Protein backbone atom coordinates (compact mmCIF):
# COMPACT_ATOMS: atom_id res chain seq x y z
CA MET A 1 -18.16 -24.11 -0.29
CA ASP A 2 -19.29 -21.61 2.32
CA LYS A 3 -18.73 -18.02 1.28
CA PHE A 4 -16.71 -17.40 4.43
CA ALA A 5 -13.73 -18.98 2.62
CA TYR A 6 -13.69 -16.05 0.21
CA ILE A 7 -14.15 -13.62 3.08
CA ALA A 8 -11.17 -15.19 4.89
CA MET A 9 -9.17 -14.93 1.68
CA THR A 10 -9.79 -11.17 1.47
CA GLY A 11 -8.67 -10.86 5.09
CA ALA A 12 -5.45 -12.75 4.38
CA LYS A 13 -4.80 -10.63 1.29
CA HIS A 14 -5.07 -7.35 3.16
CA ASN A 15 -3.09 -8.72 6.12
CA ALA A 16 -0.27 -9.56 3.71
CA ARG A 17 -0.43 -6.03 2.28
CA ALA A 18 -0.22 -4.50 5.75
CA ILE A 19 2.75 -6.75 6.61
CA ALA A 20 4.54 -5.50 3.49
CA VAL A 21 3.97 -1.86 4.55
CA GLN A 22 5.29 -2.45 8.08
CA SER A 23 8.23 -4.47 6.76
CA ASN A 24 9.18 -1.59 4.49
CA ASN A 25 9.05 0.75 7.49
CA LEU A 26 11.33 -1.52 9.49
CA ALA A 27 13.77 -1.79 6.58
CA ASN A 28 14.07 2.02 6.50
CA VAL A 29 14.57 2.59 10.22
CA LEU A 30 18.07 3.97 9.47
CA THR A 31 17.16 5.87 6.27
CA THR A 32 17.76 9.61 6.59
CA GLY A 33 14.54 11.63 6.67
CA PHE A 34 12.31 8.61 5.98
CA ARG A 35 8.60 8.98 6.73
CA SER A 36 6.89 5.80 7.88
CA ASP A 37 3.66 4.52 6.35
CA PHE A 38 0.62 2.93 7.89
CA ILE A 39 -2.42 1.26 6.41
CA HIS A 40 -6.04 1.62 7.43
CA ALA A 41 -8.38 -1.38 7.60
CA ARG A 42 -12.13 -1.47 7.95
CA SER A 43 -14.95 -3.96 7.78
CA MET A 44 -17.38 -4.02 4.86
CA GLN A 45 -20.68 -5.84 5.31
CA SER A 46 -21.51 -8.32 2.57
CA PHE A 47 -24.99 -8.12 1.05
CA GLY A 48 -26.55 -10.74 -1.19
CA GLU A 49 -29.45 -13.14 -1.50
CA SER A 50 -29.28 -14.14 2.18
CA PHE A 51 -29.02 -12.14 5.37
CA PRO A 52 -25.94 -9.85 5.59
CA SER A 53 -24.17 -12.06 8.12
CA ARG A 54 -20.72 -11.86 6.48
CA VAL A 55 -18.19 -9.05 6.81
CA TYR A 56 -15.31 -8.48 4.39
CA SER A 57 -11.96 -6.92 5.29
CA GLN A 58 -10.85 -3.95 3.24
CA ALA A 59 -7.49 -2.17 3.51
CA GLU A 60 -7.35 1.50 2.61
CA ILE A 61 -4.59 3.21 0.67
CA PRO A 62 -1.44 3.47 2.85
CA SER A 63 -0.98 6.84 4.55
CA THR A 64 2.18 8.54 5.72
CA LYS A 65 3.16 9.53 9.22
CA PHE A 66 4.66 13.02 9.01
CA ASP A 67 6.00 13.29 12.56
CA MET A 68 9.55 14.62 12.72
CA GLY A 69 12.52 12.39 13.38
CA GLN A 70 15.42 13.24 15.65
CA LEU A 71 18.18 15.65 14.59
CA GLN A 72 21.65 14.13 14.73
CA GLU A 73 24.76 16.28 14.51
CA THR A 74 27.27 15.24 11.84
CA GLY A 75 29.43 18.35 11.51
CA ARG A 76 29.49 17.86 7.73
CA GLY A 77 28.99 21.06 5.75
CA LEU A 78 26.72 19.46 3.13
CA ASP A 79 24.39 17.85 5.68
CA VAL A 80 21.25 19.90 6.32
CA ALA A 81 18.07 19.26 8.28
CA ILE A 82 14.82 21.20 8.05
CA GLU A 83 13.67 22.79 11.30
CA GLY A 84 9.95 22.10 11.57
CA ASP A 85 7.65 21.31 8.67
CA GLY A 86 8.52 21.41 4.99
CA PHE A 87 10.70 19.71 2.41
CA ILE A 88 13.70 20.15 0.14
CA ALA A 89 12.68 20.33 -3.52
CA VAL A 90 14.48 17.91 -5.85
CA GLU A 91 14.08 16.60 -9.38
CA GLY A 92 12.74 13.04 -9.49
CA ARG A 93 13.71 10.42 -12.03
CA ASP A 94 10.58 11.28 -13.98
CA GLY A 95 11.83 14.86 -14.34
CA ALA A 96 9.05 16.24 -12.16
CA GLU A 97 9.48 18.20 -8.97
CA ALA A 98 9.57 16.05 -5.84
CA PHE A 99 10.10 16.63 -2.13
CA THR A 100 12.34 15.00 0.44
CA ARG A 101 13.45 15.42 4.06
CA ALA A 102 16.80 13.71 3.41
CA GLY A 103 19.46 16.40 3.61
CA ASP A 104 22.63 14.33 3.14
CA LEU A 105 23.74 16.22 0.03
CA VAL A 106 26.71 15.63 -2.26
CA ILE A 107 28.39 17.45 -5.14
CA ASP A 108 29.25 15.36 -8.19
CA GLN A 109 32.26 15.80 -10.49
CA LEU A 110 30.36 18.28 -12.66
CA GLY A 111 29.41 20.47 -9.72
CA ASN A 112 25.78 19.37 -9.54
CA LEU A 113 24.29 19.40 -6.05
CA ARG A 114 22.47 16.12 -5.49
CA THR A 115 20.87 14.03 -2.79
CA ALA A 116 22.73 10.95 -1.57
CA THR A 117 20.58 8.89 -3.95
CA GLY A 118 21.59 11.02 -6.95
CA SER A 119 18.57 13.29 -7.46
CA PRO A 120 19.38 16.92 -8.43
CA VAL A 121 18.57 19.48 -5.74
CA LEU A 122 16.47 22.37 -7.03
CA GLY A 123 17.22 26.03 -6.45
CA GLU A 124 16.22 29.31 -8.02
CA GLY A 125 15.64 28.50 -11.68
CA GLY A 126 16.25 24.74 -11.63
CA PRO A 127 18.91 22.24 -10.55
CA ILE A 128 21.78 23.75 -8.60
CA VAL A 129 25.24 23.75 -10.18
CA ILE A 130 28.14 24.94 -8.04
CA PRO A 131 31.35 26.38 -9.57
CA PRO A 132 34.77 25.18 -8.36
CA PHE A 133 35.35 26.43 -4.82
CA GLU A 134 37.76 26.54 -1.92
CA LYS A 135 35.06 26.67 0.71
CA LEU A 136 31.28 26.28 0.74
CA GLU A 137 28.66 27.23 3.29
CA ILE A 138 24.90 26.63 3.37
CA GLY A 139 23.00 29.28 5.30
CA SER A 140 19.98 28.73 7.51
CA ASP A 141 17.70 29.98 4.72
CA GLY A 142 19.26 27.60 2.17
CA THR A 143 21.57 30.18 0.61
CA ILE A 144 24.75 28.62 -0.83
CA THR A 145 27.84 30.80 -0.52
CA ILE A 146 31.26 29.83 -1.85
CA GLN A 147 34.82 31.05 -1.78
CA GLY A 148 35.84 30.63 -5.40
CA LYS A 149 38.69 28.43 -6.48
CA GLY A 150 41.98 30.33 -6.13
CA GLN A 151 40.32 33.32 -4.43
CA GLY A 152 40.81 34.69 -0.94
CA PRO A 153 38.33 34.48 1.95
CA GLU A 154 37.25 38.07 1.25
CA ASN A 155 35.77 36.98 -2.09
CA LEU A 156 32.51 35.26 -1.19
CA ASN A 157 29.84 34.69 -3.80
CA GLN A 158 26.23 33.62 -3.40
CA VAL A 159 25.63 31.03 -6.14
CA ASN A 160 22.09 29.86 -5.45
CA ARG A 161 19.54 29.01 -2.79
CA ILE A 162 18.07 25.59 -2.03
CA LYS A 163 14.37 25.58 -2.76
CA LEU A 164 12.47 24.89 0.46
CA VAL A 165 8.74 24.21 0.24
CA ASP A 166 5.91 23.72 2.71
CA PRO A 167 3.06 22.08 0.74
CA ASP A 168 -0.29 20.98 2.11
CA LEU A 169 0.32 17.46 3.44
CA LEU A 170 -3.18 16.36 2.44
CA GLY A 171 -2.33 17.09 -1.19
CA LEU A 172 0.81 14.94 -1.28
CA LYS A 173 1.35 11.43 -2.56
CA LYS A 174 4.37 9.23 -1.90
CA GLY A 175 6.13 7.58 -4.82
CA GLU A 176 7.99 4.29 -4.99
CA ASP A 177 11.26 6.26 -4.88
CA GLY A 178 10.35 7.55 -1.41
CA PHE A 179 9.85 11.13 -2.63
CA PHE A 180 6.64 13.08 -2.18
CA ARG A 181 4.86 14.91 -4.98
CA ARG A 182 1.81 17.08 -5.30
CA ALA A 183 -1.12 14.91 -6.31
CA ASP A 184 -2.28 17.57 -8.78
CA GLY A 185 1.14 17.61 -10.48
CA LEU A 186 1.62 21.36 -10.04
CA ILE A 187 4.85 23.12 -9.04
CA GLU A 188 5.03 24.12 -5.38
CA PRO A 189 6.21 27.71 -4.77
CA ALA A 190 9.19 28.27 -2.47
CA ALA A 191 8.19 28.95 1.12
CA ALA A 192 9.51 31.97 2.99
CA GLY A 193 10.80 31.76 6.53
CA MET A 194 11.87 28.11 6.52
CA GLN A 195 15.09 27.30 8.33
CA LEU A 196 17.85 24.74 7.86
CA SER A 197 20.30 23.39 10.42
CA THR A 198 23.68 22.84 8.76
CA GLY A 199 25.77 19.95 10.03
CA PHE A 200 22.71 17.97 11.10
CA LEU A 201 20.62 15.17 9.61
CA GLU A 202 17.09 14.11 10.46
CA THR A 203 16.66 10.46 11.33
CA SER A 204 13.79 8.26 10.18
CA ASN A 205 10.58 8.63 12.20
CA VAL A 206 10.07 4.85 12.23
CA ASN A 207 9.52 3.31 15.66
CA ALA A 208 11.30 -0.04 15.25
CA VAL A 209 9.62 -1.68 18.26
CA GLU A 210 6.16 -0.58 17.13
CA SER A 211 6.74 -1.79 13.56
CA LEU A 212 8.04 -5.17 14.73
CA THR A 213 5.08 -5.59 17.08
CA GLN A 214 2.68 -4.76 14.26
CA ILE A 215 4.34 -7.31 11.97
CA LEU A 216 3.98 -10.04 14.62
CA ALA A 217 0.32 -9.18 15.26
CA LEU A 218 -0.49 -9.07 11.56
CA SER A 219 1.30 -12.41 11.01
CA ARG A 220 -0.92 -14.04 13.63
CA GLN A 221 -4.00 -12.59 11.95
CA PHE A 222 -2.79 -13.89 8.60
CA GLU A 223 -2.36 -17.40 10.06
CA MET A 224 -5.89 -17.22 11.49
CA GLN A 225 -7.31 -16.32 8.08
CA ILE A 226 -5.45 -19.23 6.45
CA LYS A 227 -6.87 -21.61 9.11
CA MET A 228 -10.37 -20.37 8.29
CA ILE A 229 -9.81 -21.13 4.61
CA ARG A 230 -8.64 -24.65 5.49
CA THR A 231 -11.69 -25.11 7.75
CA ALA A 232 -13.97 -24.10 4.90
CA GLU A 233 -12.23 -26.64 2.66
CA GLN A 234 -12.67 -29.38 5.27
CA ASN A 235 -16.36 -28.50 5.70
CA ASP A 236 -16.80 -28.69 1.93
CA GLU A 237 -15.18 -32.14 1.80
CA THR A 238 -17.33 -33.38 4.69
CA SER A 239 -20.51 -32.11 3.03
CA SER A 240 -19.57 -33.88 -0.22
CA LYS A 241 -19.06 -37.17 1.61
CA LEU A 242 -22.45 -36.89 3.31
CA LEU A 243 -24.15 -36.29 -0.03
CA GLN A 244 -22.42 -39.33 -1.50
CA VAL A 245 -23.69 -41.51 1.35
CA ASN A 246 -27.24 -40.35 0.86
């Protein structure tokens, strides 16, 4: 069988991978703070015993698009959105520090401040735990101030501050949970000067039309690669028949 069948197979494989990436983007078009992914593809010339007349397809590791989404006003006191670059530090399921742009926060029955997906939000000294309160406010610098349970409005206490970080984007990797982490595994120091908008959430930066168009284009390319494989199979069968006749 001509080697172009294997080359077509590699093309179909990487097309399928790219379709999966774009499909995941489209599925998260409404996910708060989601950062879309894209995948690079390049041609790799094939060398061997004959002339290098074949070119393989190779998909690179998916990268992340860090453009900001839109800010939508919710009016909810536990909804926060980062103004500009940076992330909210949280504790991932693996226990390591992770970063997210999703600011739809909640407080569980034990007073733990968490993301909507259940990950503890980090503050000064670790996960943030909030005592019983009458009223809670999150300042623009991430400071959490409460009016204690049973106390008057004149008794305001600062309980903690949300850890805001601004890591080097080139040193980040995206996990299957959607959180970002430093590739070197180190702890990122809190960044000074970062600002939060309370009562707002950042939308996903996925362009639904662009993602859908990419999926359609990649599907056509995948079909073309499959046709090439079938053509190679037909050529192989025809060659076998000719040899049998001779």
